[in-house]
Amino acid sequence: MYRRLVARLGQSIVVAFIVATIAFFVVRDAPGDPFSYEARSLSPGVREQLRKQFGYDQPVLIQYLRYLSNVARGNFGWSFTKGTFVSAALAEAIPRTLLLASVALALSFAIGVALGVMQAARGGWFDRVSSGILLFFYSLPDFWGALMILTVFTSWWQLFPAGNIVDPTLHEYMPPWGAFVDRVKHLVLPVASLTILSLAGVARYQRAAMLEVLPSEFIRAARAKGVSERALVWRHALRNAATPMVTILGLMLPAFLGGTVFIEKVFSWPGLGSLATGAVEGRDYDLVTATIVVGAVIVLIGNLLADLLHAAIDPRVRE
């Protein structure tokens, strides 16, 4: 198990390096430069002076070697769209995205696994009706589904705030409990959007896994010994059907990060997705590259944790 962990860590480092290299060259191959965004307010002479000052007049290979040298020292560059160091912009945005994604991931798996188990155990009309509803939500595009949720709960019913992470005018004047409630209210709709649009897939996979386990001989033997159906389903069958779901957890992390880009854009959530879209619009080379690399690292860490959880559930993997 230790050798497996070390090997996976080595693979993750290599993958992160490859992603960083590809992102660097692809971003710089795009038309324009970080100063094109402000071309209307910059004279050609000032723009050329800035390009020379920040090294964008150098060959791409020289820029790449300089970038690797800076990253090795913990310097990810300067963000022209944010007016601060890239590391400072990332330190502010990453916790917000992780909060949104982790809460939504936990809820989607908790609700999706419970629904999948009940579908497989009950069958009949409950399975058919719930499968149809879940298929409807599964087929919705992320962006459109988020817009519909935003329209219903902020425009039609006006139950929740339309966007942002807190109330920009009143939050700092609220007492601690009021500030907490304000933050939760702003979190509800983006979390609900991510959860609703992803739990359908979790439920479908869990249902399929349960349908494979329930006819097994050990389930029939436990039933013959008088084990209750509730214990049979939730203790014995679910434990054996949980192993494939750990793999699904690792596979869903990239989709979750991709989904947060749309969700953060719709709900004006100031996280990594909003940071990345703003950086792309502003041709902010260093910030775009950093957000891509950070996203890849988060996915790699998630996959590594999924492997460890898989080994904890299945003793055969530890051998």
C-alpha atoms as a PDB file:
ATOM      1  CA  MET A   1       0.000   0.000   0.000  1.00  0.00           C
ATOM      2  CA  TYR A   2       2.863   2.377   0.828  1.00  0.00           C
ATOM      3  CA  ARG A   3       4.514   1.727  -2.533  1.00  0.00           C
ATOM      4  CA  ARG A   4       1.190   2.297  -4.275  1.00  0.00           C
ATOM      5  CA  LEU A   5       0.768   5.642  -2.507  1.00  0.00           C
ATOM      6  CA  VAL A   6       4.290   6.771  -3.412  1.00  0.00           C
ATOM      7  CA  ALA A   7       3.746   5.735  -7.035  1.00  0.00           C
ATOM      8  CA  ARG A   8       0.487   7.687  -7.227  1.00  0.00           C
ATOM      9  CA  LEU A   9       2.145  10.751  -5.723  1.00  0.00           C
ATOM     10  CA  GLY A  10       4.886  10.537  -8.338  1.00  0.00           C
ATOM     11  CA  GLN A  11       2.325  10.175 -11.126  1.00  0.00           C
ATOM     12  CA  SER A  12       0.376  13.169  -9.796  1.00  0.00           C
ATOM     13  CA  ILE A  13       3.486  15.363  -9.795  1.00  0.00           C
ATOM     14  CA  VAL A  14       4.277  14.381 -13.390  1.00  0.00           C
ATOM     15  CA  VAL A  15       0.683  15.035 -14.504  1.00  0.00           C
ATOM     16  CA  ALA A  16       0.647  18.437 -12.772  1.00  0.00           C
ATOM     17  CA  PHE A  17       3.900  19.368 -14.543  1.00  0.00           C
ATOM     18  CA  ILE A  18       2.512  18.297 -17.929  1.00  0.00           C
ATOM     19  CA  VAL A  19      -0.710  20.252 -17.342  1.00  0.00           C
ATOM     20  CA  ALA A  20       1.274  23.347 -16.363  1.00  0.00           C
ATOM     21  CA  THR A  21       3.441  23.061 -19.488  1.00  0.00           C
ATOM     22  CA  ILE A  22       0.506  22.589 -21.860  1.00  0.00           C
ATOM     23  CA  ALA A  23      -1.450  25.409 -20.204  1.00  0.00           C
ATOM     24  CA  PHE A  24       1.519  27.774 -20.439  1.00  0.00           C
ATOM     25  CA  PHE A  25       2.059  27.289 -24.179  1.00  0.00           C
ATOM     26  CA  VAL A  26      -1.640  27.163 -25.107  1.00  0.00           C
ATOM     27  CA  VAL A  27      -2.416  30.374 -23.211  1.00  0.00           C
ATOM     28  CA  ARG A  28       0.485  32.221 -24.827  1.00  0.00           C
ATOM     29  CA  ASP A  29      -0.485  30.951 -28.252  1.00  0.00           C
ATOM     30  CA  ALA A  30      -3.787  32.836 -27.991  1.00  0.00           C
ATOM     31  CA  PRO A  31      -3.977  36.199 -29.775  1.00  0.00           C
ATOM     32  CA  GLY A  32      -3.104  39.335 -27.807  1.00  0.00           C
ATOM     33  CA  ASP A  33      -1.335  39.729 -24.490  1.00  0.00           C
ATOM     34  CA  PRO A  34      -2.205  40.888 -20.950  1.00  0.00           C
ATOM     35  CA  PHE A  35      -2.085  44.506 -22.140  1.00  0.00           C
ATOM     36  CA  SER A  36      -4.464  44.043 -25.092  1.00  0.00           C
ATOM     37  CA  TYR A  37      -7.386  44.208 -22.654  1.00  0.00           C
ATOM     38  CA  GLU A  38      -6.465  47.841 -21.908  1.00  0.00           C
ATOM     39  CA  ALA A  39      -5.328  48.661 -25.435  1.00  0.00           C
ATOM     40  CA  ARG A  40      -7.798  51.534 -25.731  1.00  0.00           C
ATOM     41  CA  SER A  41      -6.256  53.332 -22.738  1.00  0.00           C
ATOM     42  CA  LEU A  42      -2.599  52.486 -23.455  1.00  0.00           C
ATOM     43  CA  SER A  43      -0.517  54.069 -26.152  1.00  0.00           C
ATOM     44  CA  PRO A  44       1.543  51.714 -28.349  1.00  0.00           C
ATOM     45  CA  GLY A  45       4.730  52.986 -26.717  1.00  0.00           C
ATOM     46  CA  VAL A  46       3.512  52.351 -23.169  1.00  0.00           C
ATOM     47  CA  ARG A  47       2.198  48.939 -24.152  1.00  0.00           C
ATOM     48  CA  GLU A  48       5.543  47.962 -25.684  1.00  0.00           C
ATOM     49  CA  GLN A  49       7.369  49.211 -22.600  1.00  0.00           C
ATOM     50  CA  LEU A  50       5.148  47.067 -20.356  1.00  0.00           C
ATOM     51  CA  ARG A  51       5.692  44.036 -22.572  1.00  0.00           C
ATOM     52  CA  LYS A  52       9.449  44.517 -22.226  1.00  0.00           C
ATOM     53  CA  GLN A  53       9.220  45.147 -18.467  1.00  0.00           C
ATOM     54  CA  PHE A  54       7.344  41.894 -17.798  1.00  0.00           C
ATOM     55  CA  GLY A  55       9.296  39.843 -20.332  1.00  0.00           C
ATOM     56  CA  TYR A  56       6.528  39.253 -22.877  1.00  0.00           C
ATOM     57  CA  ASP A  57       8.806  40.422 -25.689  1.00  0.00           C
ATOM     58  CA  GLN A  58      11.091  37.431 -25.079  1.00  0.00           C
ATOM     59  CA  PRO A  59      10.794  34.120 -26.996  1.00  0.00           C
ATOM     60  CA  VAL A  60       8.175  31.773 -25.552  1.00  0.00           C
ATOM     61  CA  LEU A  61      10.788  29.216 -24.493  1.00  0.00           C
ATOM     62  CA  ILE A  62      12.642  31.852 -22.455  1.00  0.00           C
ATOM     63  CA  GLN A  63       9.347  32.889 -20.869  1.00  0.00           C
ATOM     64  CA  TYR A  64       8.611  29.255 -20.031  1.00  0.00           C
ATOM     65  CA  LEU A  65      11.980  28.682 -18.344  1.00  0.00           C
ATOM     66  CA  ARG A  66      11.576  31.913 -16.385  1.00  0.00           C
ATOM     67  CA  TYR A  67       8.072  30.853 -15.373  1.00  0.00           C
ATOM     68  CA  LEU A  68       9.301  27.483 -14.077  1.00  0.00           C
ATOM     69  CA  SER A  69      12.053  29.223 -12.138  1.00  0.00           C
ATOM     70  CA  ASN A  70       9.558  31.616 -10.536  1.00  0.00           C
ATOM     71  CA  VAL A  71       7.086  28.833  -9.686  1.00  0.00           C
ATOM     72  CA  ALA A  72       9.881  26.837  -8.041  1.00  0.00           C
ATOM     73  CA  ARG A  73      10.371  29.820  -5.727  1.00  0.00           C
ATOM     74  CA  GLY A  74       6.635  30.103  -5.022  1.00  0.00           C
ATOM     75  CA  ASN A  75       6.080  33.075  -7.335  1.00  0.00           C
ATOM     76  CA  PHE A  76       3.155  32.454  -9.738  1.00  0.00           C
ATOM     77  CA  GLY A  77       3.385  35.886 -11.310  1.00  0.00           C
ATOM     78  CA  TRP A  78       1.368  39.089 -11.269  1.00  0.00           C
ATOM     79  CA  SER A  79      -2.351  39.339 -12.068  1.00  0.00           C
ATOM     80  CA  PHE A  80      -3.080  42.393 -14.198  1.00  0.00           C
ATOM     81  CA  THR A  81      -6.840  41.999 -13.925  1.00  0.00           C
ATOM     82  CA  LYS A  82      -6.764  41.789 -10.121  1.00  0.00           C
ATOM     83  CA  GLY A  83      -3.846  44.136  -9.514  1.00  0.00           C
ATOM     84  CA  THR A  84      -2.186  41.748  -7.084  1.00  0.00           C
ATOM     85  CA  PHE A  85       0.017  38.675  -6.995  1.00  0.00           C
ATOM     86  CA  VAL A  86      -1.538  35.536  -8.494  1.00  0.00           C
ATOM     87  CA  SER A  87      -0.938  33.626  -5.263  1.00  0.00           C
ATOM     88  CA  ALA A  88      -2.955  36.222  -3.324  1.00  0.00           C
ATOM     89  CA  ALA A  89      -5.855  36.026  -5.801  1.00  0.00           C
ATOM     90  CA  LEU A  90      -5.818  32.217  -5.620  1.00  0.00           C
ATOM     91  CA  ALA A  91      -5.669  32.211  -1.819  1.00  0.00           C
ATOM     92  CA  GLU A  92      -8.845  34.269  -1.763  1.00  0.00           C
ATOM     93  CA  ALA A  93     -10.757  32.301  -4.412  1.00  0.00           C
ATOM     94  CA  ILE A  94      -9.819  28.665  -3.707  1.00  0.00           C
ATOM     95  CA  PRO A  95     -11.467  28.364  -0.250  1.00  0.00           C
ATOM     96  CA  ARG A  96     -14.713  29.739  -1.687  1.00  0.00           C
ATOM     97  CA  THR A  97     -14.770  27.191  -4.497  1.00  0.00           C
ATOM     98  CA  LEU A  98     -13.825  24.362  -2.143  1.00  0.00           C
ATOM     99  CA  LEU A  99     -16.663  25.372   0.204  1.00  0.00           C
ATOM    100  CA  LEU A 100     -19.179  25.370  -2.632  1.00  0.00           C
ATOM    101  CA  ALA A 101     -17.931  22.144  -4.235  1.00  0.00           C
ATOM    102  CA  SER A 102     -17.434  20.167  -1.001  1.00  0.00           C
ATOM    103  CA  VAL A 103     -20.903  20.941   0.392  1.00  0.00           C
ATOM    104  CA  ALA A 104     -22.546  20.145  -2.948  1.00  0.00           C
ATOM    105  CA  LEU A 105     -20.477  16.963  -3.379  1.00  0.00           C
ATOM    106  CA  ALA A 106     -21.371  15.725   0.108  1.00  0.00           C
ATOM    107  CA  LEU A 107     -25.075  16.426  -0.399  1.00  0.00           C
ATOM    108  CA  SER A 108     -25.204  14.921  -3.890  1.00  0.00           C
ATOM    109  CA  PHE A 109     -23.572  11.693  -2.699  1.00  0.00           C
ATOM    110  CA  ALA A 110     -25.642  11.465   0.487  1.00  0.00           C
ATOM    111  CA  ILE A 111     -28.949  12.037  -1.317  1.00  0.00           C
ATOM    112  CA  GLY A 112     -27.930  10.179  -4.490  1.00  0.00           C
ATOM    113  CA  VAL A 113     -26.753   7.063  -2.635  1.00  0.00           C
ATOM    114  CA  ALA A 114     -29.910   6.997  -0.508  1.00  0.00           C
ATOM    115  CA  LEU A 115     -32.129   7.337  -3.595  1.00  0.00           C
ATOM    116  CA  GLY A 116     -30.191   4.679  -5.502  1.00  0.00           C
ATOM    117  CA  VAL A 117     -30.486   2.224  -2.615  1.00  0.00           C
ATOM    118  CA  MET A 118     -34.226   2.826  -2.246  1.00  0.00           C
ATOM    119  CA  GLN A 119     -34.771   2.461  -6.006  1.00  0.00           C
ATOM    120  CA  ALA A 120     -33.011  -0.886  -6.083  1.00  0.00           C
ATOM    121  CA  ALA A 121     -34.607  -2.168  -2.866  1.00  0.00           C
ATOM    122  CA  ARG A 122     -38.197  -1.065  -3.490  1.00  0.00           C
ATOM    123  CA  GLY A 123     -38.495  -1.260  -7.264  1.00  0.00           C
ATOM    124  CA  GLY A 124     -41.991  -0.930  -8.728  1.00  0.00           C
ATOM    125  CA  TRP A 125     -43.625   2.460  -9.190  1.00  0.00           C
ATOM    126  CA  PHE A 126     -41.147   4.226  -6.909  1.00  0.00           C
ATOM    127  CA  ASP A 127     -38.245   3.112  -9.076  1.00  0.00           C
ATOM    128  CA  ARG A 128     -39.992   4.129 -12.316  1.00  0.00           C
ATOM    129  CA  VAL A 129     -41.184   7.546 -11.139  1.00  0.00           C
ATOM    130  CA  SER A 130     -37.957   8.514  -9.389  1.00  0.00           C
ATOM    131  CA  SER A 131     -35.887   7.300 -12.355  1.00  0.00           C
ATOM    132  CA  GLY A 132     -37.883   9.518 -14.695  1.00  0.00           C
ATOM    133  CA  ILE A 133     -37.448  12.559 -12.454  1.00  0.00           C
ATOM    134  CA  LEU A 134     -33.726  11.923 -12.003  1.00  0.00           C
ATOM    135  CA  LEU A 135     -33.263  11.412 -15.746  1.00  0.00           C
ATOM    136  CA  PHE A 136     -34.909  14.797 -16.346  1.00  0.00           C
ATOM    137  CA  PHE A 137     -32.481  16.579 -14.015  1.00  0.00           C
ATOM    138  CA  TYR A 138     -29.532  14.568 -15.335  1.00  0.00           C
ATOM    139  CA  SER A 139     -30.254  15.754 -18.878  1.00  0.00           C
ATOM    140  CA  LEU A 140     -30.417  19.460 -17.954  1.00  0.00           C
ATOM    141  CA  PRO A 141     -27.441  21.580 -19.059  1.00  0.00           C
ATOM    142  CA  ASP A 142     -25.672  22.994 -15.996  1.00  0.00           C
ATOM    143  CA  PHE A 143     -25.925  26.608 -17.120  1.00  0.00           C
ATOM    144  CA  TRP A 144     -29.613  26.441 -18.044  1.00  0.00           C
ATOM    145  CA  GLY A 145     -30.568  24.561 -14.879  1.00  0.00           C
ATOM    146  CA  ALA A 146     -28.780  27.126 -12.718  1.00  0.00           C
ATOM    147  CA  LEU A 147     -30.530  29.967 -14.544  1.00  0.00           C
ATOM    148  CA  MET A 148     -33.923  28.347 -13.962  1.00  0.00           C
ATOM    149  CA  ILE A 149     -33.217  27.903 -10.241  1.00  0.00           C
ATOM    150  CA  LEU A 150     -32.035  31.510 -10.058  1.00  0.00           C
ATOM    151  CA  THR A 151     -35.168  32.760 -11.813  1.00  0.00           C
ATOM    152  CA  VAL A 152     -37.607  30.756  -9.688  1.00  0.00           C
ATOM    153  CA  PHE A 153     -36.131  31.427  -6.244  1.00  0.00           C
ATOM    154  CA  THR A 154     -34.924  35.021  -6.688  1.00  0.00           C
ATOM    155  CA  SER A 155     -37.318  36.554  -9.219  1.00  0.00           C
ATOM    156  CA  TRP A 156     -40.600  34.652  -8.897  1.00  0.00           C
ATOM    157  CA  TRP A 157     -40.570  33.792  -5.192  1.00  0.00           C
ATOM    158  CA  GLN A 158     -37.743  36.067  -3.951  1.00  0.00           C
ATOM    159  CA  LEU A 159     -36.697  33.638  -1.219  1.00  0.00           C
ATOM    160  CA  PHE A 160     -32.922  33.921  -1.605  1.00  0.00           C
ATOM    161  CA  PRO A 161     -30.392  36.550  -2.736  1.00  0.00           C
ATOM    162  CA  ALA A 162     -29.563  36.565  -6.431  1.00  0.00           C
ATOM    163  CA  GLY A 163     -25.800  36.279  -6.129  1.00  0.00           C
ATOM    164  CA  ASN A 164     -22.491  37.036  -4.433  1.00  0.00           C
ATOM    165  CA  ILE A 165     -21.106  35.350  -1.326  1.00  0.00           C
ATOM    166  CA  VAL A 166     -22.550  37.799   1.246  1.00  0.00           C
ATOM    167  CA  ASP A 167     -24.600  40.977   1.295  1.00  0.00           C
ATOM    168  CA  PRO A 168     -22.019  43.556   0.110  1.00  0.00           C
ATOM    169  CA  THR A 169     -23.518  46.460   2.085  1.00  0.00           C
ATOM    170  CA  LEU A 170     -24.921  44.999   5.309  1.00  0.00           C
ATOM    171  CA  HIS A 171     -22.800  41.922   6.061  1.00  0.00           C
ATOM    172  CA  GLU A 172     -20.020  43.688   7.963  1.00  0.00           C
ATOM    173  CA  TYR A 173     -22.565  45.410  10.227  1.00  0.00           C
ATOM    174  CA  MET A 174     -24.421  42.207  11.137  1.00  0.00           C
ATOM    175  CA  PRO A 175     -23.989  40.381  14.478  1.00  0.00           C
ATOM    176  CA  PRO A 176     -22.183  36.995  14.268  1.00  0.00           C
ATOM    177  CA  TRP A 177     -25.379  34.955  13.980  1.00  0.00           C
ATOM    178  CA  GLY A 178     -26.838  37.303  11.369  1.00  0.00           C
ATOM    179  CA  ALA A 179     -23.604  37.189   9.355  1.00  0.00           C
ATOM    180  CA  PHE A 180     -23.672  33.380   9.454  1.00  0.00           C
ATOM    181  CA  VAL A 181     -27.303  33.273   8.270  1.00  0.00           C
ATOM    182  CA  ASP A 182     -26.490  35.761   5.516  1.00  0.00           C
ATOM    183  CA  ARG A 183     -23.637  33.583   4.265  1.00  0.00           C
ATOM    184  CA  VAL A 184     -25.805  30.452   4.352  1.00  0.00           C
ATOM    185  CA  LYS A 185     -28.569  32.200   2.370  1.00  0.00           C
ATOM    186  CA  HIS A 186     -26.095  33.130  -0.351  1.00  0.00           C
ATOM    187  CA  LEU A 187     -24.757  29.554  -0.354  1.00  0.00           C
ATOM    188  CA  VAL A 188     -28.123  27.792  -0.712  1.00  0.00           C
ATOM    189  CA  LEU A 189     -28.879  28.362  -4.413  1.00  0.00           C
ATOM    190  CA  PRO A 190     -25.419  27.594  -5.894  1.00  0.00           C
ATOM    191  CA  VAL A 191     -25.138  24.486  -3.693  1.00  0.00           C
ATOM    192  CA  ALA A 192     -28.663  23.399  -4.605  1.00  0.00           C
ATOM    193  CA  SER A 193     -27.917  23.859  -8.312  1.00  0.00           C
ATOM    194  CA  LEU A 194     -24.752  21.748  -8.174  1.00  0.00           C
ATOM    195  CA  THR A 195     -26.437  19.118  -6.001  1.00  0.00           C
ATOM    196  CA  ILE A 196     -29.593  18.727  -8.088  1.00  0.00           C
ATOM    197  CA  LEU A 197     -27.678  18.562 -11.356  1.00  0.00           C
ATOM    198  CA  SER A 198     -25.241  15.903 -10.091  1.00  0.00           C
ATOM    199  CA  LEU A 199     -27.128  13.647  -7.660  1.00  0.00           C
ATOM    200  CA  ALA A 200     -29.018  12.004 -10.537  1.00  0.00           C
ATOM    201  CA  GLY A 201     -25.835  10.434 -11.853  1.00  0.00           C
ATOM    202  CA  VAL A 202     -24.845   9.263  -8.376  1.00  0.00           C
ATOM    203  CA  ALA A 203     -28.255   7.685  -7.848  1.00  0.00           C
ATOM    204  CA  ARG A 204     -28.123   5.858 -11.184  1.00  0.00           C
ATOM    205  CA  TYR A 205     -24.692   4.385 -10.461  1.00  0.00           C
ATOM    206  CA  GLN A 206     -25.689   3.402  -6.920  1.00  0.00           C
ATOM    207  CA  ARG A 207     -28.881   1.761  -8.167  1.00  0.00           C
ATOM    208  CA  ALA A 208     -26.907  -0.298 -10.709  1.00  0.00           C
ATOM    209  CA  ALA A 209     -24.366  -1.333  -8.066  1.00  0.00           C
ATOM    210  CA  MET A 210     -27.122  -2.379  -5.657  1.00  0.00           C
ATOM    211  CA  LEU A 211     -28.931  -4.397  -8.327  1.00  0.00           C
ATOM    212  CA  GLU A 212     -25.733  -6.395  -8.845  1.00  0.00           C
ATOM    213  CA  VAL A 213     -25.261  -7.082  -5.126  1.00  0.00           C
ATOM    214  CA  LEU A 214     -28.841  -7.841  -4.003  1.00  0.00           C
ATOM    215  CA  PRO A 215     -29.137 -11.175  -5.910  1.00  0.00           C
ATOM    216  CA  SER A 216     -25.820 -12.405  -4.447  1.00  0.00           C
ATOM    217  CA  GLU A 217     -25.622 -15.642  -2.497  1.00  0.00           C
ATOM    218  CA  PHE A 218     -24.490 -14.001   0.747  1.00  0.00           C
ATOM    219  CA  ILE A 219     -27.590 -11.776   0.657  1.00  0.00           C
ATOM    220  CA  ARG A 220     -29.841 -14.809   0.241  1.00  0.00           C
ATOM    221  CA  ALA A 221     -27.978 -16.567   3.053  1.00  0.00           C
ATOM    222  CA  ALA A 222     -28.396 -13.582   5.370  1.00  0.00           C
ATOM    223  CA  ARG A 223     -32.088 -13.389   4.522  1.00  0.00           C
ATOM    224  CA  ALA A 224     -32.462 -17.115   5.281  1.00  0.00           C
ATOM    225  CA  LYS A 225     -30.858 -16.542   8.698  1.00  0.00           C
ATOM    226  CA  GLY A 226     -33.585 -14.031   9.530  1.00  0.00           C
ATOM    227  CA  VAL A 227     -31.724 -10.765   9.022  1.00  0.00           C
ATOM    228  CA  SER A 228     -34.229  -7.925   8.615  1.00  0.00           C
ATOM    229  CA  GLU A 229     -34.640  -6.365   5.170  1.00  0.00           C
ATOM    230  CA  ARG A 230     -33.546  -2.983   6.497  1.00  0.00           C
ATOM    231  CA  ALA A 231     -30.270  -4.377   7.873  1.00  0.00           C
ATOM    232  CA  LEU A 232     -29.875  -6.528   4.775  1.00  0.00           C
ATOM    233  CA  VAL A 233     -30.073  -3.535   2.433  1.00  0.00           C
ATOM    234  CA  TRP A 234     -28.386  -0.762   4.405  1.00  0.00           C
ATOM    235  CA  ARG A 235     -25.718  -2.757   6.218  1.00  0.00           C
ATOM    236  CA  HIS A 236     -24.785  -5.772   4.102  1.00  0.00           C
ATOM    237  CA  ALA A 237     -25.690  -4.892   0.515  1.00  0.00           C
ATOM    238  CA  LEU A 238     -24.758  -1.206   0.656  1.00  0.00           C
ATOM    239  CA  ARG A 239     -21.329  -1.959   2.110  1.00  0.00           C
ATOM    240  CA  ASN A 240     -20.493  -4.229  -0.807  1.00  0.00           C
ATOM    241  CA  ALA A 241     -22.037  -1.842  -3.350  1.00  0.00           C
ATOM    242  CA  ALA A 242     -20.085   1.148  -1.997  1.00  0.00           C
ATOM    243  CA  THR A 243     -16.767   0.214  -3.579  1.00  0.00           C
ATOM    244  CA  PRO A 244     -17.727   1.252  -7.153  1.00  0.00           C
ATOM    245  CA  MET A 245     -19.081   4.542  -5.788  1.00  0.00           C
ATOM    246  CA  VAL A 246     -15.643   5.485  -4.492  1.00  0.00           C
ATOM    247  CA  THR A 247     -14.360   5.218  -8.059  1.00  0.00           C
ATOM    248  CA  ILE A 248     -17.286   7.339  -9.248  1.00  0.00           C
ATOM    249  CA  LEU A 249     -16.358   9.924  -6.619  1.00  0.00           C
ATOM    250  CA  GLY A 250     -12.902  10.297  -8.145  1.00  0.00           C
ATOM    251  CA  LEU A 251     -14.337  10.518 -11.665  1.00  0.00           C
ATOM    252  CA  MET A 252     -16.899  13.155 -10.680  1.00  0.00           C
ATOM    253  CA  LEU A 253     -14.358  15.630  -9.328  1.00  0.00           C
ATOM    254  CA  PRO A 254     -13.383  17.026 -12.765  1.00  0.00           C
ATOM    255  CA  ALA A 255     -17.072  17.365 -13.672  1.00  0.00           C
ATOM    256  CA  PHE A 256     -17.721  19.148 -10.387  1.00  0.00           C
ATOM    257  CA  LEU A 257     -14.939  21.641 -11.001  1.00  0.00           C
ATOM    258  CA  GLY A 258     -16.236  22.221 -14.510  1.00  0.00           C
ATOM    259  CA  GLY A 259     -19.739  22.693 -13.150  1.00  0.00           C
ATOM    260  CA  THR A 260     -18.601  25.238 -10.584  1.00  0.00           C
ATOM    261  CA  VAL A 261     -17.366  27.494 -13.410  1.00  0.00           C
ATOM    262  CA  PHE A 262     -20.919  27.828 -14.756  1.00  0.00           C
ATOM    263  CA  ILE A 263     -22.523  27.965 -11.319  1.00  0.00           C
ATOM    264  CA  GLU A 264     -20.146  30.646 -10.078  1.00  0.00           C
ATOM    265  CA  LYS A 265     -20.767  32.687 -13.210  1.00  0.00           C
ATOM    266  CA  VAL A 266     -24.559  32.490 -12.868  1.00  0.00           C
ATOM    267  CA  PHE A 267     -24.638  33.269  -9.147  1.00  0.00           C
ATOM    268  CA  SER A 268     -21.694  35.725  -9.166  1.00  0.00           C
ATOM    269  CA  TRP A 269     -19.886  33.506  -6.679  1.00  0.00           C
ATOM    270  CA  PRO A 270     -16.328  34.899  -6.339  1.00  0.00           C
ATOM    271  CA  GLY A 271     -14.481  31.597  -6.530  1.00  0.00           C
ATOM    272  CA  LEU A 272     -11.959  29.883  -8.757  1.00  0.00           C
ATOM    273  CA  GLY A 273     -14.371  29.618 -11.700  1.00  0.00           C
ATOM    274  CA  SER A 274     -15.173  33.328 -11.695  1.00  0.00           C
ATOM    275  CA  LEU A 275     -11.485  34.077 -11.306  1.00  0.00           C
ATOM    276  CA  ALA A 276     -10.646  31.898 -14.317  1.00  0.00           C
ATOM    277  CA  THR A 277     -13.320  33.401 -16.592  1.00  0.00           C
ATOM    278  CA  GLY A 278     -12.259  36.926 -15.668  1.00  0.00           C
ATOM    279  CA  ALA A 279      -8.630  36.027 -16.325  1.00  0.00           C
ATOM    280  CA  VAL A 280      -9.488  34.594 -19.754  1.00  0.00           C
ATOM    281  CA  GLU A 281     -11.484  37.682 -20.686  1.00  0.00           C
ATOM    282  CA  GLY A 282      -8.586  39.904 -19.581  1.00  0.00           C
ATOM    283  CA  ARG A 283      -5.877  37.754 -21.224  1.00  0.00           C
ATOM    284  CA  ASP A 284      -4.223  37.499 -17.816  1.00  0.00           C
ATOM    285  CA  TYR A 285      -1.583  34.914 -18.771  1.00  0.00           C
ATOM    286  CA  ASP A 286      -0.200  34.038 -15.357  1.00  0.00           C
ATOM    287  CA  LEU A 287      -3.603  33.909 -13.662  1.00  0.00           C
ATOM    288  CA  VAL A 288      -5.148  31.716 -16.392  1.00  0.00           C
ATOM    289  CA  THR A 289      -2.226  29.280 -16.203  1.00  0.00           C
ATOM    290  CA  ALA A 290      -2.386  29.186 -12.412  1.00  0.00           C
ATOM    291  CA  THR A 291      -6.138  28.506 -12.301  1.00  0.00           C
ATOM    292  CA  ILE A 292      -5.735  25.621 -14.764  1.00  0.00           C
ATOM    293  CA  VAL A 293      -2.899  24.118 -12.747  1.00  0.00           C
ATOM    294  CA  VAL A 294      -4.744  24.559  -9.441  1.00  0.00           C
ATOM    295  CA  GLY A 295      -7.827  22.880 -10.900  1.00  0.00           C
ATOM    296  CA  ALA A 296      -5.704  19.961 -12.075  1.00  0.00           C
ATOM    297  CA  VAL A 297      -4.023  19.663  -8.667  1.00  0.00           C
ATOM    298  CA  ILE A 298      -7.407  19.638  -6.897  1.00  0.00           C
ATOM    299  CA  VAL A 299      -8.575  16.838  -9.200  1.00  0.00           C
ATOM    300  CA  LEU A 300      -5.357  14.867  -8.617  1.00  0.00           C
ATOM    301  CA  ILE A 301      -5.677  15.233  -4.853  1.00  0.00           C
ATOM    302  CA  GLY A 302      -9.316  14.126  -5.046  1.00  0.00           C
ATOM    303  CA  ASN A 303      -8.387  11.058  -7.073  1.00  0.00           C
ATOM    304  CA  LEU A 304      -5.609  10.215  -4.602  1.00  0.00           C
ATOM    305  CA  LEU A 305      -8.048  10.495  -1.678  1.00  0.00           C
ATOM    306  CA  ALA A 306     -10.520   8.305  -3.575  1.00  0.00           C
ATOM    307  CA  ASP A 307      -7.805   5.652  -3.976  1.00  0.00           C
ATOM    308  CA  LEU A 308      -7.062   5.772  -0.248  1.00  0.00           C
ATOM    309  CA  LEU A 309     -10.758   5.507   0.586  1.00  0.00           C
ATOM    310  CA  HIS A 310     -11.073   2.604  -1.856  1.00  0.00           C
ATOM    311  CA  ALA A 311      -8.227   0.842  -0.074  1.00  0.00           C
ATOM    312  CA  ALA A 312      -9.881   1.470   3.304  1.00  0.00           C
ATOM    313  CA  ILE A 313     -13.148  -0.102   2.093  1.00  0.00           C
ATOM    314  CA  ASP A 314     -11.684  -3.002   0.079  1.00  0.00           C
ATOM    315  CA  PRO A 315      -8.863  -4.887   1.877  1.00  0.00           C
ATOM    316  CA  ARG A 316      -7.812  -6.526  -1.390  1.00  0.00           C
ATOM    317  CA  VAL A 317      -6.513  -3.198  -2.680  1.00  0.00           C
ATOM    318  CA  ARG A 318      -4.139  -2.860   0.286  1.00  0.00           C
ATOM    319  CA  GLU A 319      -2.289  -6.013  -0.642  1.00  0.00           C
END
